[in-house]
Protein backbone atom coordinates (compact mmCIF):
# COMPACT_ATOMS: atom_id res chain seq x y z
CA MET A 1 148.06 143.15 -117.87
CA LYS A 2 146.82 143.31 -121.39
CA LEU A 3 144.53 140.67 -122.48
CA LYS A 4 146.88 139.93 -125.62
CA GLU A 5 149.41 138.35 -123.15
CA ILE A 6 146.69 135.84 -122.01
CA TYR A 7 145.42 135.21 -125.46
CA ASP A 8 148.95 134.52 -126.89
CA LEU A 9 149.67 132.12 -124.15
CA LEU A 10 146.48 130.15 -124.61
CA ASP A 11 147.11 130.13 -128.23
CA ASN A 12 150.50 128.69 -127.84
CA LEU A 13 149.11 125.93 -125.41
CA SER A 14 146.12 125.02 -127.53
CA PRO A 15 146.21 126.78 -130.97
CA PHE A 16 142.84 128.25 -132.00
CA ALA A 17 143.44 127.30 -135.44
CA LEU A 18 142.83 123.73 -134.66
CA GLN A 19 139.14 124.37 -133.82
CA GLU A 20 136.55 122.76 -136.12
CA LYS A 21 135.06 124.82 -138.91
CA TRP A 22 131.82 124.85 -137.33
CA ASP A 23 133.24 126.01 -134.03
CA ASN A 24 133.69 129.63 -132.60
CA ALA A 25 136.61 129.51 -130.27
CA GLY A 26 138.91 132.42 -129.55
CA LEU A 27 138.24 136.05 -128.36
CA LEU A 28 134.43 136.46 -128.60
CA VAL A 29 134.07 139.64 -126.48
CA GLY A 30 136.53 142.30 -125.85
CA SER A 31 139.73 143.68 -127.40
CA LEU A 32 143.32 142.44 -127.16
CA GLU A 33 144.46 145.84 -125.97
CA ASP A 34 141.90 145.61 -122.91
CA GLU A 35 143.60 145.88 -119.48
CA ILE A 36 142.60 142.63 -117.35
CA GLU A 37 142.49 142.96 -113.64
CA ASN A 38 140.73 139.45 -112.83
CA ILE A 39 140.54 136.07 -114.61
CA TYR A 40 137.62 133.61 -114.18
CA ILE A 41 137.60 130.06 -115.68
CA SER A 42 134.39 128.14 -116.15
CA ILE A 43 133.01 125.26 -118.50
CA ASP A 44 130.13 127.50 -119.40
CA LEU A 45 129.00 131.25 -119.01
CA ASP A 46 125.78 131.66 -117.03
CA GLU A 47 123.93 134.66 -115.54
CA GLU A 48 125.24 134.07 -111.91
CA LEU A 49 128.80 134.20 -113.18
CA VAL A 50 128.43 137.42 -115.10
CA LEU A 51 126.47 139.13 -112.34
CA ASN A 52 129.16 138.27 -109.74
CA ALA A 53 132.26 138.75 -111.84
CA LYS A 54 134.21 141.94 -111.30
CA GLU A 55 134.40 144.74 -113.84
CA ASN A 56 137.39 144.71 -116.30
CA SER A 57 137.87 141.02 -116.06
CA LEU A 58 138.54 138.08 -118.40
CA ILE A 59 136.27 134.91 -118.33
CA ILE A 60 137.77 131.86 -119.99
CA THR A 61 135.08 129.31 -120.94
CA HIS A 62 134.92 125.99 -122.70
CA HIS A 63 131.65 126.36 -124.46
CA PRO A 64 131.41 129.52 -126.61
CA LEU A 65 128.55 131.97 -125.85
CA ILE A 66 128.10 132.62 -129.62
CA PHE A 67 127.98 129.97 -132.31
CA ALA A 68 126.15 131.27 -135.18
CA GLY A 69 125.95 134.96 -136.36
CA LEU A 70 123.53 137.13 -134.37
CA LYS A 71 120.77 138.90 -136.56
CA ARG A 72 119.18 140.58 -133.41
CA VAL A 73 120.43 141.69 -129.90
CA ASN A 74 117.10 141.85 -128.06
CA TYR A 75 118.31 140.76 -124.64
CA ASN A 76 115.94 137.90 -124.39
CA THR A 77 118.05 134.97 -125.46
CA TYR A 78 120.85 133.18 -123.64
CA SER A 79 123.56 134.74 -125.73
CA THR A 80 122.27 138.24 -126.03
CA LYS A 81 121.15 138.59 -122.41
CA LEU A 82 124.72 137.68 -121.19
CA LEU A 83 126.43 139.62 -123.92
CA ARG A 84 124.81 142.83 -122.68
CA GLU A 85 126.04 142.32 -119.21
CA LEU A 86 129.60 141.56 -120.41
CA ILE A 87 129.69 144.74 -122.42
CA LYS A 88 128.29 146.75 -119.54
CA LYS A 89 130.95 145.54 -117.19
CA ASN A 90 133.78 145.54 -119.72
CA ILE A 91 134.28 141.79 -119.29
CA SER A 92 136.18 139.93 -122.08
CA LEU A 93 135.49 136.53 -122.97
CA ILE A 94 137.72 133.90 -124.57
CA SER A 95 136.29 130.34 -125.50
CA MET A 96 138.56 127.36 -125.81
CA HIS A 97 136.42 124.60 -127.31
CA THR A 98 137.36 121.95 -129.95
CA ASN A 99 140.89 123.14 -130.01
CA ILE A 100 141.44 122.14 -126.40
CA ASP A 101 139.27 118.98 -126.93
CA LYS A 102 141.98 117.87 -129.30
CA THR A 103 145.05 119.04 -127.43
CA HIS A 104 144.26 118.58 -123.72
CA LEU A 105 140.71 117.93 -122.33
CA ASN A 106 140.13 114.47 -123.70
CA LYS A 107 143.51 113.30 -122.48
CA TYR A 108 143.13 114.94 -119.11
CA PHE A 109 139.76 113.48 -118.38
CA THR A 110 140.96 109.94 -119.49
CA GLN A 111 144.13 109.94 -117.42
CA ASN A 112 143.31 112.19 -114.46
CA ILE A 113 139.65 111.54 -114.01
CA LEU A 114 139.24 107.91 -115.05
CA GLY A 115 142.84 106.77 -114.41
CA PHE A 116 143.29 105.03 -117.63
CA LYS A 117 146.62 105.00 -119.68
CA ILE A 118 146.16 106.24 -123.20
CA ILE A 119 147.69 103.96 -125.86
CA ASN A 120 147.09 106.29 -128.67
CA THR A 121 145.05 109.26 -129.76
CA GLU A 122 143.29 110.17 -133.09
CA GLU A 123 142.31 113.95 -133.00
CA PHE A 124 139.27 113.90 -130.59
CA ILE A 125 139.45 110.19 -129.67
CA SER A 126 141.63 108.54 -127.03
CA TYR A 127 142.20 104.78 -126.86
CA CYS A 128 143.03 102.73 -123.85
CA GLU A 129 143.38 98.98 -123.24
CA VAL A 130 141.27 98.13 -120.22
CA ASN A 131 140.75 94.21 -120.22
CA MET A 132 137.95 94.11 -117.83
CA SER A 133 134.34 92.85 -117.93
CA PHE A 134 131.60 95.33 -119.22
CA ASN A 135 129.98 95.37 -115.72
CA ASP A 136 133.20 96.29 -113.96
CA LEU A 137 133.97 98.94 -116.47
CA VAL A 138 130.69 100.60 -115.81
CA LYS A 139 131.34 100.45 -112.08
CA HIS A 140 134.62 101.99 -112.48
CA ILE A 141 133.42 104.94 -114.62
CA SER A 142 130.47 105.48 -112.31
CA SER A 143 132.79 105.54 -109.34
CA LYS A 144 135.43 107.66 -110.77
CA MET A 145 132.83 110.19 -112.09
CA GLU A 146 130.60 110.02 -108.97
CA LEU A 147 127.62 109.09 -111.10
CA LYS A 148 124.55 107.33 -109.33
CA THR A 149 122.80 106.50 -112.63
CA THR A 150 124.66 105.49 -115.89
CA LYS A 151 123.10 104.88 -119.27
CA VAL A 152 124.75 102.02 -121.27
CA VAL A 153 124.40 99.91 -124.27
CA LYS A 154 125.85 96.32 -123.57
CA CYS A 155 126.97 94.43 -126.75
CA ASN A 156 130.15 92.68 -125.13
CA ASP A 157 130.65 91.01 -121.65
CA PHE A 158 134.25 91.63 -121.80
CA ILE A 159 135.96 94.87 -123.09
CA GLU A 160 139.62 94.90 -124.34
CA LYS A 161 139.60 98.32 -125.77
CA ILE A 162 137.83 101.55 -125.18
CA ALA A 163 137.54 104.80 -127.15
CA ILE A 164 136.70 108.13 -125.19
CA VAL A 165 135.42 111.37 -126.39
CA THR A 166 134.36 113.91 -123.81
CA GLY A 167 131.35 116.06 -124.43
CA SER A 168 129.17 114.97 -127.44
CA GLY A 169 131.01 112.51 -129.63
CA MET A 170 128.51 110.13 -131.42
CA SER A 171 129.21 111.85 -134.68
CA LEU A 172 132.54 110.17 -134.72
CA ILE A 173 131.04 106.55 -134.35
CA ASP A 174 132.32 105.65 -137.88
CA GLU A 175 136.05 106.43 -136.66
CA VAL A 176 135.81 104.35 -133.33
CA LYS A 177 138.00 101.18 -133.41
CA ALA A 178 137.20 99.59 -130.12
CA ASP A 179 134.83 97.27 -128.10
CA CYS A 180 133.24 100.14 -126.10
CA PHE A 181 132.75 103.72 -126.69
CA LEU A 182 132.61 106.33 -123.96
CA THR A 183 131.05 109.69 -124.77
CA GLY A 184 128.11 111.92 -123.79
CA ASP A 185 124.72 112.96 -125.31
CA ILE A 186 123.89 109.48 -126.44
CA LYS A 187 120.50 109.44 -128.05
CA TYR A 188 118.06 106.55 -128.76
CA HIS A 189 118.91 106.12 -132.43
CA ASP A 190 122.72 106.38 -131.44
CA ALA A 191 121.96 103.38 -129.29
CA MET A 192 120.24 101.53 -132.03
CA GLU A 193 123.16 102.11 -134.37
CA ALA A 194 125.76 100.93 -131.79
CA LYS A 195 123.70 97.92 -131.12
CA ALA A 196 123.70 97.05 -134.91
CA ARG A 197 127.53 97.42 -135.04
CA GLY A 198 128.22 95.36 -131.69
CA LEU A 199 129.67 98.46 -130.12
CA SER A 200 129.02 98.78 -126.48
CA LEU A 201 128.40 102.33 -125.08
CA ILE A 202 128.76 104.16 -121.84
CA ASP A 203 127.16 107.60 -121.64
CA ILE A 204 129.60 109.85 -119.68
CA ARG A 205 127.36 112.78 -120.09
CA HIS A 206 128.31 116.02 -121.58
CA TYR A 207 128.68 118.24 -118.57
CA GLU A 208 130.18 115.70 -116.33
CA SER A 209 132.85 114.73 -118.69
CA GLU A 210 133.94 118.24 -119.41
CA ARG A 211 133.68 119.75 -115.97
CA CYS A 212 137.36 119.26 -115.67
CA PHE A 213 137.95 122.14 -118.01
CA SER A 214 138.48 124.62 -115.14
CA PRO A 215 141.20 122.89 -113.12
CA LEU A 216 142.94 121.85 -116.36
CA VAL A 217 143.00 125.40 -117.70
CA GLU A 218 144.03 126.68 -114.09
CA GLY A 219 146.94 124.26 -114.21
CA LEU A 220 148.06 125.19 -117.59
CA LEU A 221 148.16 128.87 -116.62
CA SER A 222 149.48 128.30 -113.06
CA GLU A 223 153.24 129.26 -113.62
CA TYR A 224 152.33 132.28 -115.78
CA LEU A 225 149.75 133.59 -113.14
CA LYS A 226 152.11 133.07 -110.19
CA LYS A 227 154.94 134.94 -112.10
CA ASN A 228 152.50 137.86 -112.60
CA LYS A 229 151.01 137.65 -109.22
CA LEU A 230 147.52 136.83 -110.48
CA LYS A 231 144.97 134.09 -109.20
CA ALA A 232 142.43 132.54 -111.60
CA ILE A 233 138.98 132.15 -109.96
CA ILE A 234 137.30 128.70 -110.73
CA THR A 235 133.51 129.23 -110.80
CA ALA A 236 131.06 126.48 -110.18
CA SER A 237 129.00 126.49 -113.40
CA LYS A 238 125.80 124.49 -112.86
CA ASN A 239 124.73 121.65 -114.91
CA PRO A 240 121.34 122.80 -116.40
CA PHE A 241 119.94 119.34 -116.17
CA GLU A 242 118.68 117.68 -112.89
CA PHE A 243 118.13 113.93 -112.42
CA PHE A 244 115.30 112.22 -110.37
CA ILE A 245 114.70 108.75 -109.12
CA GLU A 246 111.37 108.11 -107.68
CA GLY A 247 110.90 111.86 -106.99
CA GLU A 248 114.41 112.32 -105.31
CA THR A 249 117.15 114.39 -106.92
CA VAL A 250 120.19 112.61 -107.67
CA GLU A 251 123.49 113.48 -109.45
């Protein structure tokens, strides 16, 4: 099977042209004429995945391996070290980032993971009416995401409407029209800004809110793969962070 077949299918499902200007989604390594024997799907590319992947494979990731232009390839950075192994093993790489955030991932997370009904979507932001206390909302989110610790900013006791952006979405705070904003990578000054605006925050973390990327893409490709007698291998890309409470590791 030629790589172009999978690329065109993914492009039809979630057009790469929808990606943000700063993004680098699409075919990052390989040629559209490459013959593909195996497909791997992962939120991120890491050394373990590349070393274990078979030759002549395609890896589909959420986060791109390369964002900015490379001036040196010295094999001592995250991107160049893995790039060397990909080329040695003739492994192609496609990344679906902000394009699939807009078309599928944010909605999938909101509906399939959190169990909320979306009332409307504005590019990255999904809106839902929840009508529940802030404390109950935090408990619901923590339970659905299996979080043992949840970072929040509480400005309202009761939440009518929430806005959700998977990954890192605090740059969109000016566009949020809700009582509570759920996103990841919330920083100290983000919390101060939200407090000033009376906007509650729930940090759903970056990795945890996007780890559903793999089952999402597998589902989108399932009919095609079945038709061509192929199977996508979902890999367990690991969260680079660990969390400790009183010396004990927690999720």
